């Protein structure tokens, strides 16, 4: 994750990372992410979503 921080800072979102931010370290982590992504729902984000 440390390698991505400069990019996230440049995008202005480094301070907004939460439990929905997942570090993908290797191929196994990526596979696990895709297996689990269906269970991922970060309810705290719901109020900030603008549906226009």
N, C-alpha and C. Protein backbone atom coordinates (compact mmCIF):
# COMPACT_ATOMS: atom_id res chain seq x y z
N UNK A 1 0.84 -1.19 0.00
CA UNK A 1 0.00 0.00 0.00
C UNK A 1 0.88 1.25 0.00
N UNK A 2 2.02 1.17 0.64
CA UNK A 2 2.89 2.34 0.73
C UNK A 2 3.28 2.88 -0.65
N UNK A 3 3.46 1.98 -1.61
CA UNK A 3 3.83 2.42 -2.96
C UNK A 3 2.72 3.21 -3.63
N UNK A 4 1.49 2.98 -3.24
CA UNK A 4 0.34 3.64 -3.87
C UNK A 4 0.01 4.99 -3.23
N UNK A 5 0.52 5.25 -2.04
CA UNK A 5 0.17 6.48 -1.31
C UNK A 5 0.44 7.74 -2.13
N UNK A 6 1.60 7.90 -2.79
CA UNK A 6 1.79 9.12 -3.58
C UNK A 6 0.72 9.33 -4.65
N UNK A 7 0.30 8.26 -5.30
CA UNK A 7 -0.75 8.35 -6.31
C UNK A 7 -2.08 8.75 -5.66
N UNK A 8 -2.39 8.13 -4.53
CA UNK A 8 -3.63 8.45 -3.83
C UNK A 8 -3.62 9.89 -3.31
N UNK A 9 -2.46 10.36 -2.86
CA UNK A 9 -2.33 11.75 -2.43
C UNK A 9 -2.54 12.70 -3.60
N UNK A 10 -1.94 12.39 -4.73
CA UNK A 10 -2.08 13.23 -5.93
C UNK A 10 -3.55 13.29 -6.37
N UNK A 11 -4.26 12.18 -6.20
CA UNK A 11 -5.68 12.13 -6.55
C UNK A 11 -6.55 12.81 -5.49
N UNK A 12 -5.95 13.15 -4.35
CA UNK A 12 -6.68 13.84 -3.29
C UNK A 12 -7.56 12.92 -2.45
N UNK A 13 -7.26 11.62 -2.46
CA UNK A 13 -8.11 10.69 -1.71
C UNK A 13 -7.35 9.89 -0.65
N UNK A 14 -6.09 10.18 -0.44
CA UNK A 14 -5.30 9.41 0.52
C UNK A 14 -5.92 9.46 1.92
N UNK A 15 -6.54 10.55 2.28
CA UNK A 15 -7.15 10.68 3.60
C UNK A 15 -8.53 10.05 3.70
N UNK A 16 -9.04 9.52 2.60
CA UNK A 16 -10.39 8.94 2.58
C UNK A 16 -10.40 7.42 2.57
N UNK A 17 -9.26 6.79 2.76
CA UNK A 17 -9.20 5.33 2.72
C UNK A 17 -9.96 4.76 3.92
N UNK A 18 -10.69 3.67 3.69
CA UNK A 18 -11.48 3.05 4.75
C UNK A 18 -11.38 1.54 4.62
N UNK A 19 -12.26 0.81 5.32
CA UNK A 19 -12.20 -0.65 5.28
C UNK A 19 -12.51 -1.23 3.91
N UNK A 20 -12.99 -0.41 3.00
CA UNK A 20 -13.24 -0.85 1.64
C UNK A 20 -12.00 -0.76 0.76
N UNK A 21 -10.91 -0.26 1.30
CA UNK A 21 -9.65 -0.17 0.57
C UNK A 21 -8.87 -1.45 0.83
N UNK A 22 -8.57 -2.17 -0.21
CA UNK A 22 -7.92 -3.47 -0.07
C UNK A 22 -6.60 -3.46 -0.82
N UNK A 23 -5.55 -3.85 -0.11
CA UNK A 23 -4.23 -3.94 -0.73
C UNK A 23 -4.10 -5.26 -1.47
N UNK A 24 -3.74 -5.20 -2.73
CA UNK A 24 -3.54 -6.40 -3.55
C UNK A 24 -2.04 -6.62 -3.69
N UNK A 25 -1.52 -7.62 -2.98
CA UNK A 25 -0.08 -7.84 -2.91
C UNK A 25 0.46 -8.78 -3.97
N UNK A 26 -0.35 -9.76 -4.40
CA UNK A 26 0.11 -10.76 -5.35
C UNK A 26 -1.09 -11.39 -6.06
N UNK A 27 -0.84 -12.36 -6.92
CA UNK A 27 -1.93 -12.98 -7.68
C UNK A 27 -2.95 -13.65 -6.76
N UNK A 28 -2.50 -14.26 -5.68
CA UNK A 28 -3.42 -14.93 -4.76
C UNK A 28 -4.35 -13.90 -4.11
N UNK A 29 -3.81 -12.76 -3.74
CA UNK A 29 -4.62 -11.70 -3.15
C UNK A 29 -5.67 -11.21 -4.14
N UNK A 30 -5.30 -11.06 -5.39
CA UNK A 30 -6.23 -10.62 -6.43
C UNK A 30 -7.35 -11.63 -6.60
N UNK A 31 -7.01 -12.91 -6.64
CA UNK A 31 -8.02 -13.96 -6.76
C UNK A 31 -8.98 -13.94 -5.58
N UNK A 32 -8.44 -13.80 -4.38
CA UNK A 32 -9.27 -13.73 -3.18
C UNK A 32 -10.18 -12.51 -3.24
N UNK A 33 -9.65 -11.38 -3.71
CA UNK A 33 -10.46 -10.17 -3.83
C UNK A 33 -11.68 -10.43 -4.72
N UNK A 34 -11.46 -11.03 -5.87
CA UNK A 34 -12.58 -11.26 -6.79
C UNK A 34 -13.57 -12.28 -6.24
N UNK A 35 -13.10 -13.21 -5.43
CA UNK A 35 -14.01 -14.16 -4.80
C UNK A 35 -14.87 -13.48 -3.74
N UNK A 36 -14.30 -12.49 -3.04
CA UNK A 36 -14.98 -11.85 -1.93
C UNK A 36 -15.69 -10.54 -2.29
N UNK A 37 -15.45 -10.00 -3.46
CA UNK A 37 -15.97 -8.69 -3.82
C UNK A 37 -17.50 -8.63 -3.74
N UNK A 38 -18.15 -9.73 -3.97
CA UNK A 38 -19.61 -9.76 -3.86
C UNK A 38 -20.11 -9.50 -2.46
N UNK A 39 -19.28 -9.79 -1.47
CA UNK A 39 -19.66 -9.56 -0.07
C UNK A 39 -19.32 -8.15 0.40
N UNK A 40 -18.58 -7.42 -0.42
CA UNK A 40 -18.12 -6.09 -0.01
C UNK A 40 -19.22 -5.06 -0.16
N UNK A 41 -19.60 -4.48 0.92
CA UNK A 41 -20.57 -3.39 0.91
C UNK A 41 -20.17 -2.45 2.03
N UNK A 42 -19.72 -1.27 1.68
CA UNK A 42 -19.27 -0.31 2.67
C UNK A 42 -20.41 0.68 2.89
N UNK A 43 -21.25 0.38 3.87
CA UNK A 43 -22.45 1.16 4.11
C UNK A 43 -22.15 2.61 4.48
N UNK A 44 -21.04 2.88 5.11
CA UNK A 44 -20.70 4.25 5.50
C UNK A 44 -20.57 5.16 4.28
N UNK A 45 -20.31 4.60 3.11
CA UNK A 45 -20.16 5.40 1.89
C UNK A 45 -21.50 5.80 1.29
N UNK A 46 -22.57 5.10 1.61
CA UNK A 46 -23.87 5.34 0.98
C UNK A 46 -24.31 6.80 0.98
N UNK A 47 -24.23 7.52 2.11
CA UNK A 47 -24.71 8.91 2.10
C UNK A 47 -23.91 9.83 1.17
N UNK A 48 -22.67 9.46 0.85
CA UNK A 48 -21.85 10.33 0.02
C UNK A 48 -21.98 10.05 -1.47
N UNK A 49 -22.74 9.04 -1.85
CA UNK A 49 -22.92 8.69 -3.26
C UNK A 49 -23.99 9.60 -3.86
N UNK A 50 -23.62 10.26 -4.95
CA UNK A 50 -24.56 11.15 -5.65
C UNK A 50 -25.04 10.45 -6.91
N UNK A 51 -26.32 10.22 -6.98
CA UNK A 51 -26.89 9.52 -8.13
C UNK A 51 -27.57 10.50 -9.07
N UNK A 52 -26.78 11.24 -9.83
CA UNK A 52 -27.32 12.19 -10.79
C UNK A 52 -27.10 11.67 -12.18
